[in-house]
Amino acid sequence: MRRLLAVALLIMSCEPLPGAQGPSVQRYAANASVLNSSGPQEETHLTVRIEHFASKSDQDALMASLKRNGTPGARLLLMKAFDAGLVRIGQRLVPIKYATSRPTGQGRLLTLMTAEPIRVTDDDVRPELGLIILVIPDTEPGYGELIPATKVRFDPSGAIVTDNYRGRVILLSNVTTE
C-alpha cells in the first residue's frame, strides 16, 4: 500500500497542474559583427536560448537592487538567480540570468542580461553585466545589439538601459527564430 501511494504521489508530482502550461523554450540565431573604429572587425554567430522570462517580482527585485546598490548590487542579485537561458557567441557560453519581452507595434523587444561579461574578445573583462537587446519584428528578420560589459539602470518607463557605456558594441543582424 505504501509503495502504491508513493508511486501515485510521484506520478502526480510529474503532472502539470490544471491550467498550467509547460516551459516554452525560445531560440534565436543572429549574425554578430564586432565593430572597431574602422568598421566591422570580426563576424561570428550568436545563438540565444530562453527558458523563462522574468516575473513581475523578479523585475521589481532587480529594480530595487539597482536603485539601492547600482550595477554591483544587480550583479550580485543576478549571480544568485536561476539561469533564464544561455547565450553562445562563437565558442563562448554565458548563462542568461534575466530575460524580458515587451510588445512593440510590429513585434517584440527582448532584453537579456548576464551576471558576467559576455566575452567576445579578451579585453571584455570588466566586472559588469552583459546586455543583449533583440528587436523581433513579426514579419522579417530582426536586429539588435550585444554590449559585452556595461553598467545598467532603469529609465523612467521601466526599460533597462546602459549607463554611461563607452565600450565595444556588437551589432546583431538577421535575427531569426530557430
N, C-alpha and C. Protein backbone atom coordinates (compact mmCIF):
# COMPACT_ATOMS: atom_id res chain seq x y z
N MET A 1 0.83 -1.20 0.00
CA MET A 1 0.00 0.00 0.00
C MET A 1 0.87 1.26 0.00
N ARG A 2 1.92 1.28 0.83
CA ARG A 2 2.80 2.45 0.86
C ARG A 2 3.48 2.65 -0.49
N ARG A 3 3.88 1.53 -1.10
CA ARG A 3 4.54 1.62 -2.40
C ARG A 3 3.58 2.21 -3.43
N LEU A 4 2.33 1.80 -3.45
CA LEU A 4 1.34 2.33 -4.39
C LEU A 4 1.11 3.82 -4.15
N LEU A 5 1.02 4.22 -2.88
CA LEU A 5 0.84 5.63 -2.55
C LEU A 5 2.05 6.45 -3.01
N ALA A 6 3.27 5.93 -2.80
CA ALA A 6 4.48 6.63 -3.22
C ALA A 6 4.51 6.78 -4.74
N VAL A 7 4.12 5.73 -5.46
CA VAL A 7 4.10 5.80 -6.93
C VAL A 7 3.04 6.81 -7.38
N ALA A 8 1.88 6.81 -6.76
CA ALA A 8 0.82 7.75 -7.12
C ALA A 8 1.27 9.19 -6.87
N LEU A 9 1.94 9.44 -5.74
CA LEU A 9 2.43 10.79 -5.46
C LEU A 9 3.50 11.20 -6.46
N LEU A 10 4.37 10.28 -6.84
CA LEU A 10 5.40 10.57 -7.83
C LEU A 10 4.77 10.92 -9.17
N ILE A 11 3.79 10.15 -9.59
CA ILE A 11 3.11 10.43 -10.87
C ILE A 11 2.40 11.77 -10.80
N MET A 12 1.73 12.07 -9.69
CA MET A 12 1.02 13.34 -9.56
C MET A 12 2.00 14.51 -9.59
N SER A 13 3.19 14.32 -9.00
CA SER A 13 4.15 15.43 -8.99
C SER A 13 4.72 15.70 -10.37
N CYS A 14 4.66 14.74 -11.28
CA CYS A 14 5.14 14.92 -12.64
C CYS A 14 4.09 15.53 -13.55
N GLU A 15 2.85 15.49 -13.16
CA GLU A 15 1.77 16.02 -13.97
C GLU A 15 1.67 17.54 -13.77
N PRO A 16 1.45 18.30 -14.83
CA PRO A 16 1.24 19.74 -14.64
C PRO A 16 -0.08 20.00 -13.94
N LEU A 17 -0.11 21.09 -13.21
CA LEU A 17 -1.36 21.48 -12.56
C LEU A 17 -2.38 21.86 -13.62
N PRO A 18 -3.67 21.70 -13.34
CA PRO A 18 -4.68 22.09 -14.32
C PRO A 18 -4.51 23.56 -14.69
N GLY A 19 -4.51 23.82 -15.99
CA GLY A 19 -4.35 25.19 -16.47
C GLY A 19 -2.91 25.65 -16.59
N ALA A 20 -1.97 24.89 -16.03
CA ALA A 20 -0.56 25.28 -16.11
C ALA A 20 -0.03 24.94 -17.49
N GLN A 21 0.89 25.75 -17.96
CA GLN A 21 1.50 25.48 -19.26
C GLN A 21 2.95 25.08 -19.04
N GLY A 22 3.43 24.15 -19.83
CA GLY A 22 4.80 23.71 -19.72
C GLY A 22 5.76 24.78 -20.20
N PRO A 23 7.05 24.57 -19.96
CA PRO A 23 8.02 25.57 -20.37
C PRO A 23 8.03 25.73 -21.89
N SER A 24 8.15 26.95 -22.31
CA SER A 24 8.19 27.25 -23.74
C SER A 24 9.57 27.83 -24.04
N VAL A 25 10.47 26.99 -24.51
CA VAL A 25 11.82 27.42 -24.81
C VAL A 25 11.80 28.18 -26.13
N GLN A 26 12.44 29.33 -26.14
CA GLN A 26 12.56 30.13 -27.36
C GLN A 26 14.02 30.17 -27.76
N ARG A 27 14.26 30.01 -29.06
CA ARG A 27 15.63 30.02 -29.58
C ARG A 27 15.73 31.06 -30.70
N TYR A 28 16.85 31.77 -30.70
CA TYR A 28 17.12 32.78 -31.72
C TYR A 28 18.56 32.61 -32.21
N ALA A 29 18.78 32.98 -33.45
CA ALA A 29 20.12 32.98 -34.03
C ALA A 29 20.33 34.33 -34.70
N ALA A 30 21.59 34.76 -34.75
CA ALA A 30 21.90 36.05 -35.36
C ALA A 30 23.34 36.07 -35.86
N ASN A 31 23.59 36.97 -36.78
CA ASN A 31 24.96 37.27 -37.18
C ASN A 31 25.44 38.39 -36.28
N ALA A 32 26.66 38.27 -35.76
CA ALA A 32 27.21 39.26 -34.86
C ALA A 32 28.43 39.90 -35.52
N SER A 33 28.45 41.23 -35.59
CA SER A 33 29.56 41.98 -36.15
C SER A 33 30.23 42.77 -35.05
N VAL A 34 31.45 42.37 -34.71
CA VAL A 34 32.23 43.09 -33.71
C VAL A 34 32.82 44.32 -34.40
N LEU A 35 32.53 45.49 -33.86
CA LEU A 35 32.97 46.72 -34.50
C LEU A 35 34.20 47.30 -33.82
N ASN A 36 35.03 47.95 -34.63
CA ASN A 36 36.08 48.79 -34.08
C ASN A 36 35.97 50.14 -34.78
N SER A 37 36.92 51.02 -34.59
CA SER A 37 36.79 52.38 -35.12
C SER A 37 36.78 52.42 -36.65
N SER A 38 37.33 51.40 -37.31
CA SER A 38 37.35 51.41 -38.78
C SER A 38 36.24 50.57 -39.40
N GLY A 39 35.31 50.06 -38.61
CA GLY A 39 34.21 49.25 -39.12
C GLY A 39 34.23 47.86 -38.56
N PRO A 40 33.53 46.91 -39.23
CA PRO A 40 33.49 45.54 -38.71
C PRO A 40 34.88 44.93 -38.61
N GLN A 41 35.16 44.35 -37.47
CA GLN A 41 36.45 43.73 -37.21
C GLN A 41 36.35 42.23 -37.38
N GLU A 42 35.22 41.68 -36.96
CA GLU A 42 35.08 40.23 -36.95
C GLU A 42 33.60 39.89 -37.07
N GLU A 43 33.29 38.84 -37.80
CA GLU A 43 31.93 38.32 -37.90
C GLU A 43 31.88 36.99 -37.17
N THR A 44 30.83 36.77 -36.41
CA THR A 44 30.65 35.50 -35.73
C THR A 44 29.17 35.20 -35.63
N HIS A 45 28.83 34.06 -35.08
CA HIS A 45 27.44 33.62 -34.96
C HIS A 45 27.02 33.68 -33.49
N LEU A 46 25.81 34.12 -33.25
CA LEU A 46 25.25 34.19 -31.90
C LEU A 46 23.99 33.35 -31.86
N THR A 47 23.83 32.57 -30.82
CA THR A 47 22.56 31.88 -30.57
C THR A 47 22.12 32.18 -29.15
N VAL A 48 20.82 32.25 -28.97
CA VAL A 48 20.21 32.53 -27.67
C VAL A 48 19.15 31.47 -27.42
N ARG A 49 19.13 30.95 -26.23
CA ARG A 49 18.09 30.03 -25.79
C ARG A 49 17.48 30.63 -24.52
N ILE A 50 16.18 30.91 -24.56
CA ILE A 50 15.48 31.47 -23.40
C ILE A 50 14.52 30.42 -22.88
N GLU A 51 14.69 30.05 -21.62
CA GLU A 51 13.84 29.04 -21.00
C GLU A 51 12.70 29.65 -20.21
N HIS A 52 12.92 30.83 -19.65
CA HIS A 52 11.82 31.51 -18.96
C HIS A 52 12.12 33.00 -18.87
N PHE A 53 11.05 33.78 -18.79
CA PHE A 53 11.15 35.23 -18.67
C PHE A 53 10.96 35.63 -17.21
N ALA A 54 11.49 36.78 -16.87
CA ALA A 54 11.40 37.30 -15.51
C ALA A 54 9.94 37.57 -15.14
N SER A 55 9.60 37.25 -13.92
CA SER A 55 8.26 37.56 -13.40
C SER A 55 8.23 39.02 -12.96
N LYS A 56 7.08 39.51 -12.64
CA LYS A 56 6.94 40.88 -12.12
C LYS A 56 7.74 41.04 -10.84
N SER A 57 7.74 40.03 -9.98
CA SER A 57 8.51 40.14 -8.74
C SER A 57 10.01 40.13 -9.02
N ASP A 58 10.45 39.37 -10.05
CA ASP A 58 11.87 39.40 -10.44
C ASP A 58 12.25 40.80 -10.93
N GLN A 59 11.38 41.39 -11.74
CA GLN A 59 11.64 42.74 -12.26
C GLN A 59 11.69 43.75 -11.12
N ASP A 60 10.76 43.64 -10.17
CA ASP A 60 10.73 44.56 -9.03
C ASP A 60 11.99 44.41 -8.18
N ALA A 61 12.44 43.17 -7.96
CA ALA A 61 13.65 42.94 -7.16
C ALA A 61 14.88 43.52 -7.84
N LEU A 62 14.96 43.37 -9.16
CA LEU A 62 16.10 43.92 -9.89
C LEU A 62 16.07 45.44 -9.85
N MET A 63 14.89 46.02 -10.04
CA MET A 63 14.77 47.48 -9.99
C MET A 63 15.17 48.01 -8.61
N ALA A 64 14.71 47.36 -7.56
CA ALA A 64 15.06 47.79 -6.20
C ALA A 64 16.56 47.66 -5.96
N SER A 65 17.15 46.57 -6.42
CA SER A 65 18.59 46.37 -6.24
C SER A 65 19.39 47.43 -7.00
N LEU A 66 18.96 47.76 -8.21
CA LEU A 66 19.65 48.80 -8.97
C LEU A 66 19.53 50.16 -8.28
N LYS A 67 18.36 50.46 -7.75
CA LYS A 67 18.17 51.74 -7.07
C LYS A 67 19.02 51.84 -5.81
N ARG A 68 19.10 50.74 -5.06
CA ARG A 68 19.86 50.74 -3.80
C ARG A 68 21.37 50.68 -4.01
N ASN A 69 21.82 49.78 -4.88
CA ASN A 69 23.25 49.47 -4.95
C ASN A 69 23.84 49.56 -6.35
N GLY A 70 23.09 50.05 -7.32
CA GLY A 70 23.61 50.20 -8.67
C GLY A 70 23.91 48.86 -9.33
N THR A 71 24.73 48.91 -10.36
CA THR A 71 25.07 47.69 -11.10
C THR A 71 25.72 46.62 -10.23
N PRO A 72 26.63 46.98 -9.29
CA PRO A 72 27.21 45.91 -8.45
C PRO A 72 26.14 45.13 -7.66
N GLY A 73 25.13 45.82 -7.16
CA GLY A 73 24.05 45.14 -6.44
C GLY A 73 23.22 44.26 -7.35
N ALA A 74 22.94 44.77 -8.55
CA ALA A 74 22.17 43.98 -9.52
C ALA A 74 22.97 42.74 -9.92
N ARG A 75 24.26 42.91 -10.09
CA ARG A 75 25.11 41.77 -10.47
C ARG A 75 25.08 40.69 -9.40
N LEU A 76 25.17 41.09 -8.12
CA LEU A 76 25.10 40.11 -7.03
C LEU A 76 23.76 39.38 -7.03
N LEU A 77 22.68 40.12 -7.25
CA LEU A 77 21.34 39.53 -7.30
C LEU A 77 21.26 38.52 -8.45
N LEU A 78 21.75 38.91 -9.62
CA LEU A 78 21.68 38.03 -10.78
C LEU A 78 22.58 36.81 -10.64
N MET A 79 23.71 36.95 -9.97
CA MET A 79 24.60 35.81 -9.78
C MET A 79 23.91 34.69 -9.00
N LYS A 80 23.00 35.07 -8.11
CA LYS A 80 22.28 34.09 -7.30
C LYS A 80 21.04 33.53 -8.00
N ALA A 81 20.62 34.18 -9.08
CA ALA A 81 19.37 33.79 -9.76
C ALA A 81 19.56 32.51 -10.56
N PHE A 82 18.46 31.80 -10.77
CA PHE A 82 18.47 30.65 -11.67
C PHE A 82 18.72 31.13 -13.09
N ASP A 83 19.30 30.28 -13.89
CA ASP A 83 19.53 30.62 -15.29
C ASP A 83 18.20 30.74 -16.02
N ALA A 84 18.06 31.82 -16.78
CA ALA A 84 16.86 32.02 -17.61
C ALA A 84 17.10 31.50 -19.02
N GLY A 85 18.34 31.20 -19.33
CA GLY A 85 18.69 30.71 -20.65
C GLY A 85 20.19 30.71 -20.84
N LEU A 86 20.60 30.76 -22.11
CA LEU A 86 22.01 30.66 -22.44
C LEU A 86 22.27 31.42 -23.72
N VAL A 87 23.40 32.13 -23.76
CA VAL A 87 23.83 32.79 -24.99
C VAL A 87 25.17 32.16 -25.40
N ARG A 88 25.28 31.90 -26.68
CA ARG A 88 26.54 31.40 -27.25
C ARG A 88 26.96 32.40 -28.32
N ILE A 89 28.18 32.90 -28.18
CA ILE A 89 28.75 33.74 -29.23
C ILE A 89 30.10 33.14 -29.56
N GLY A 90 30.25 32.73 -30.80
CA GLY A 90 31.43 31.95 -31.18
C GLY A 90 31.41 30.66 -30.39
N GLN A 91 32.47 30.39 -29.66
CA GLN A 91 32.55 29.18 -28.83
C GLN A 91 32.28 29.44 -27.36
N ARG A 92 31.98 30.68 -26.99
CA ARG A 92 31.78 31.03 -25.58
C ARG A 92 30.31 30.93 -25.20
N LEU A 93 30.09 30.33 -24.04
CA LEU A 93 28.74 30.18 -23.48
C LEU A 93 28.63 31.01 -22.21
N VAL A 94 27.53 31.75 -22.08
CA VAL A 94 27.29 32.55 -20.88
C VAL A 94 25.83 32.37 -20.48
N PRO A 95 25.57 32.06 -19.20
CA PRO A 95 24.17 31.94 -18.76
C PRO A 95 23.45 33.28 -18.76
N ILE A 96 22.24 33.28 -19.26
CA ILE A 96 21.35 34.44 -19.18
C ILE A 96 20.67 34.36 -17.82
N LYS A 97 20.70 35.44 -17.07
CA LYS A 97 20.11 35.45 -15.73
C LYS A 97 18.80 36.23 -15.66
N TYR A 98 18.53 37.03 -16.68
CA TYR A 98 17.33 37.88 -16.66
C TYR A 98 16.88 38.07 -18.10
N ALA A 99 15.62 37.81 -18.37
CA ALA A 99 15.08 37.96 -19.72
C ALA A 99 13.68 38.56 -19.63
N THR A 100 13.43 39.59 -20.42
CA THR A 100 12.09 40.17 -20.52
C THR A 100 11.71 40.30 -21.98
N SER A 101 10.42 40.34 -22.22
CA SER A 101 9.88 40.52 -23.56
C SER A 101 8.77 41.56 -23.47
N ARG A 102 8.85 42.58 -24.30
CA ARG A 102 7.83 43.63 -24.35
C ARG A 102 7.27 43.71 -25.76
N PRO A 103 5.96 43.86 -25.89
CA PRO A 103 5.40 44.03 -27.23
C PRO A 103 5.77 45.40 -27.80
N THR A 104 5.95 45.44 -29.11
CA THR A 104 6.13 46.70 -29.83
C THR A 104 5.02 46.78 -30.86
N GLY A 105 4.99 47.84 -31.62
CA GLY A 105 3.95 47.98 -32.64
C GLY A 105 4.02 46.91 -33.73
N GLN A 106 5.23 46.39 -34.00
CA GLN A 106 5.40 45.42 -35.07
C GLN A 106 6.04 44.12 -34.61
N GLY A 107 6.09 43.85 -33.34
CA GLY A 107 6.72 42.61 -32.87
C GLY A 107 7.02 42.66 -31.38
N ARG A 108 8.26 42.29 -31.03
CA ARG A 108 8.64 42.24 -29.61
C ARG A 108 10.05 42.79 -29.43
N LEU A 109 10.31 43.26 -28.22
CA LEU A 109 11.63 43.71 -27.82
C LEU A 109 12.07 42.82 -26.66
N LEU A 110 13.18 42.10 -26.86
CA LEU A 110 13.72 41.23 -25.81
C LEU A 110 14.92 41.90 -25.17
N THR A 111 14.97 41.87 -23.84
CA THR A 111 16.11 42.38 -23.09
C THR A 111 16.65 41.22 -22.28
N LEU A 112 17.93 40.91 -22.49
CA LEU A 112 18.58 39.79 -21.82
C LEU A 112 19.81 40.29 -21.09
N MET A 113 19.99 39.82 -19.84
CA MET A 113 21.16 40.23 -19.07
C MET A 113 21.87 39.01 -18.51
N THR A 114 23.18 39.15 -18.42
CA THR A 114 24.01 38.12 -17.81
C THR A 114 24.67 38.72 -16.57
N ALA A 115 25.06 37.88 -15.63
CA ALA A 115 25.70 38.36 -14.41
C ALA A 115 27.21 38.50 -14.59
N GLU A 116 27.68 38.18 -15.76
CA GLU A 116 29.10 38.30 -16.07
C GLU A 116 29.24 38.88 -17.47
N PRO A 117 30.39 39.43 -17.78
CA PRO A 117 30.58 39.94 -19.13
C PRO A 117 30.42 38.83 -20.16
N ILE A 118 29.95 39.20 -21.33
CA ILE A 118 29.86 38.28 -22.47
C ILE A 118 31.15 38.50 -23.26
N ARG A 119 32.13 37.71 -22.97
CA ARG A 119 33.47 37.94 -23.52
C ARG A 119 33.52 37.56 -25.00
N VAL A 120 33.58 38.58 -25.83
CA VAL A 120 33.69 38.38 -27.26
C VAL A 120 35.17 38.40 -27.64
N THR A 121 35.90 39.28 -26.99
CA THR A 121 37.35 39.35 -27.14
C THR A 121 37.95 39.30 -25.74
N ASP A 122 39.23 39.14 -25.66
CA ASP A 122 39.88 39.01 -24.35
C ASP A 122 39.92 40.30 -23.55
N ASP A 123 39.57 41.43 -24.16
CA ASP A 123 39.60 42.68 -23.40
C ASP A 123 38.25 43.02 -22.75
N ASP A 124 37.24 42.16 -22.90
CA ASP A 124 35.92 42.39 -22.29
C ASP A 124 35.88 41.73 -20.91
N VAL A 125 36.64 42.25 -19.96
CA VAL A 125 36.79 41.56 -18.67
C VAL A 125 36.35 42.39 -17.47
N ARG A 126 35.73 43.53 -17.68
CA ARG A 126 35.29 44.34 -16.54
C ARG A 126 34.22 43.59 -15.75
N PRO A 127 34.19 43.78 -14.45
CA PRO A 127 33.18 43.07 -13.63
C PRO A 127 31.82 43.74 -13.71
N GLU A 128 31.20 43.68 -14.86
CA GLU A 128 29.91 44.30 -15.08
C GLU A 128 28.96 43.28 -15.70
N LEU A 129 27.81 43.73 -16.13
CA LEU A 129 26.79 42.86 -16.70
C LEU A 129 26.89 42.82 -18.21
N GLY A 130 26.53 41.69 -18.80
CA GLY A 130 26.37 41.61 -20.25
C GLY A 130 24.92 41.95 -20.59
N LEU A 131 24.70 42.61 -21.71
CA LEU A 131 23.36 43.06 -22.10
C LEU A 131 23.13 42.77 -23.57
N ILE A 132 22.00 42.16 -23.87
CA ILE A 132 21.61 41.90 -25.26
C ILE A 132 20.21 42.47 -25.45
N ILE A 133 20.05 43.25 -26.50
CA ILE A 133 18.75 43.79 -26.89
C ILE A 133 18.42 43.21 -28.26
N LEU A 134 17.28 42.54 -28.39
CA LEU A 134 16.84 41.98 -29.66
C LEU A 134 15.50 42.58 -30.04
N VAL A 135 15.40 43.07 -31.27
CA VAL A 135 14.15 43.55 -31.83
C VAL A 135 13.67 42.46 -32.77
N ILE A 136 12.51 41.87 -32.46
CA ILE A 136 11.98 40.75 -33.23
C ILE A 136 10.69 41.19 -33.92
N PRO A 137 10.78 41.65 -35.19
CA PRO A 137 9.56 42.03 -35.91
C PRO A 137 8.71 40.79 -36.23
N ASP A 138 7.44 41.03 -36.47
CA ASP A 138 6.52 39.92 -36.78
C ASP A 138 6.80 39.30 -38.15
N THR A 139 7.30 40.08 -39.10
CA THR A 139 7.33 39.60 -40.49
C THR A 139 8.70 39.48 -41.13
N GLU A 140 9.76 39.88 -40.48
CA GLU A 140 11.08 39.84 -41.12
C GLU A 140 12.15 39.55 -40.09
N PRO A 141 13.36 39.25 -40.54
CA PRO A 141 14.44 39.04 -39.56
C PRO A 141 14.65 40.28 -38.71
N GLY A 142 15.08 40.05 -37.49
CA GLY A 142 15.26 41.14 -36.56
C GLY A 142 16.70 41.64 -36.51
N TYR A 143 16.95 42.47 -35.53
CA TYR A 143 18.27 43.07 -35.34
C TYR A 143 18.45 43.34 -33.86
N GLY A 144 19.63 43.76 -33.47
CA GLY A 144 19.86 44.07 -32.08
C GLY A 144 21.29 44.47 -31.80
N GLU A 145 21.61 44.51 -30.52
CA GLU A 145 22.94 44.86 -30.06
C GLU A 145 23.31 43.96 -28.90
N LEU A 146 24.59 43.66 -28.82
CA LEU A 146 25.15 42.96 -27.67
C LEU A 146 26.19 43.90 -27.08
N ILE A 147 26.08 44.18 -25.81
CA ILE A 147 27.05 45.02 -25.11
C ILE A 147 27.74 44.10 -24.11
N PRO A 148 29.02 43.78 -24.36
CA PRO A 148 29.69 42.74 -23.59
C PRO A 148 29.76 42.99 -22.09
N ALA A 149 30.03 44.23 -21.69
CA ALA A 149 30.18 44.54 -20.26
C ALA A 149 29.76 45.98 -20.04
N THR A 150 28.73 46.18 -19.23
CA THR A 150 28.20 47.53 -19.04
C THR A 150 27.57 47.68 -17.67
N LYS A 151 27.39 48.91 -17.29
CA LYS A 151 26.56 49.25 -16.14
C LYS A 151 25.17 49.52 -16.68
N VAL A 152 24.13 49.24 -15.89
CA VAL A 152 22.76 49.44 -16.35
C VAL A 152 21.95 50.22 -15.33
N ARG A 153 20.81 50.70 -15.80
CA ARG A 153 19.83 51.36 -14.94
C ARG A 153 18.47 51.20 -15.61
N PHE A 154 17.41 51.52 -14.88
CA PHE A 154 16.07 51.56 -15.45
C PHE A 154 15.77 52.99 -15.85
N ASP A 155 15.18 53.17 -17.04
CA ASP A 155 14.75 54.51 -17.43
C ASP A 155 13.37 54.77 -16.84
N PRO A 156 12.82 55.98 -16.98
CA PRO A 156 11.52 56.29 -16.36
C PRO A 156 10.38 55.37 -16.79
N SER A 157 10.47 54.77 -17.98
CA SER A 157 9.39 53.88 -18.43
C SER A 157 9.57 52.46 -17.93
N GLY A 158 10.67 52.18 -17.19
CA GLY A 158 10.91 50.84 -16.67
C GLY A 158 11.75 49.97 -17.58
N ALA A 159 12.29 50.53 -18.66
CA ALA A 159 13.16 49.77 -19.56
C ALA A 159 14.60 49.79 -19.05
N ILE A 160 15.32 48.70 -19.26
CA ILE A 160 16.72 48.63 -18.87
C ILE A 160 17.54 49.31 -19.95
N VAL A 161 18.42 50.22 -19.54
CA VAL A 161 19.29 50.92 -20.48
C VAL A 161 20.71 50.93 -19.93
N THR A 162 21.68 51.15 -20.83
CA THR A 162 23.07 51.24 -20.38
C THR A 162 23.27 52.55 -19.66
N ASP A 163 24.25 52.57 -18.80
CA ASP A 163 24.55 53.76 -18.00
C ASP A 163 25.99 54.18 -18.29
N ASN A 164 26.16 55.22 -19.11
CA ASN A 164 27.49 55.73 -19.46
C ASN A 164 28.36 54.71 -20.15
N TYR A 165 27.83 53.99 -21.11
CA TYR A 165 28.61 52.97 -21.80
C TYR A 165 29.46 53.61 -22.90
N ARG A 166 30.75 53.28 -22.93
CA ARG A 166 31.65 53.83 -23.96
C ARG A 166 32.46 52.75 -24.65
N GLY A 167 32.16 51.51 -24.43
CA GLY A 167 32.98 50.42 -24.95
C GLY A 167 32.48 49.87 -26.27
N ARG A 168 32.88 48.67 -26.53
CA ARG A 168 32.58 47.96 -27.77
C ARG A 168 31.10 47.57 -27.82
N VAL A 169 30.51 47.70 -29.01
CA VAL A 169 29.14 47.24 -29.26
C VAL A 169 29.20 46.22 -30.38
N ILE A 170 28.49 45.13 -30.22
CA ILE A 170 28.40 44.11 -31.25
C ILE A 170 27.02 44.25 -31.88
N LEU A 171 27.00 44.54 -33.18
CA LEU A 171 25.74 44.68 -33.89
C LEU A 171 25.23 43.30 -34.28
N LEU A 172 23.94 43.06 -34.06
CA LEU A 172 23.31 41.78 -34.40
C LEU A 172 22.38 42.00 -35.58
N SER A 173 22.51 41.15 -36.58
CA SER A 173 21.66 41.26 -37.76
C SER A 173 21.09 39.91 -38.11
N ASN A 174 20.08 39.91 -38.95
CA ASN A 174 19.44 38.69 -39.40
C ASN A 174 19.03 37.80 -38.21
N VAL A 175 18.41 38.42 -37.19
CA VAL A 175 17.95 37.68 -36.02
C VAL A 175 16.71 36.89 -36.42
N THR A 176 16.79 35.58 -36.28
CA THR A 176 15.68 34.71 -36.66
C THR A 176 15.36 33.76 -35.52
N THR A 177 14.13 33.27 -35.54
CA THR A 177 13.70 32.24 -34.59
C THR A 177 14.17 30.90 -35.11
N GLU A 178 14.73 30.10 -34.24
CA GLU A 178 15.17 28.76 -34.66
C GLU A 178 14.09 27.74 -34.38
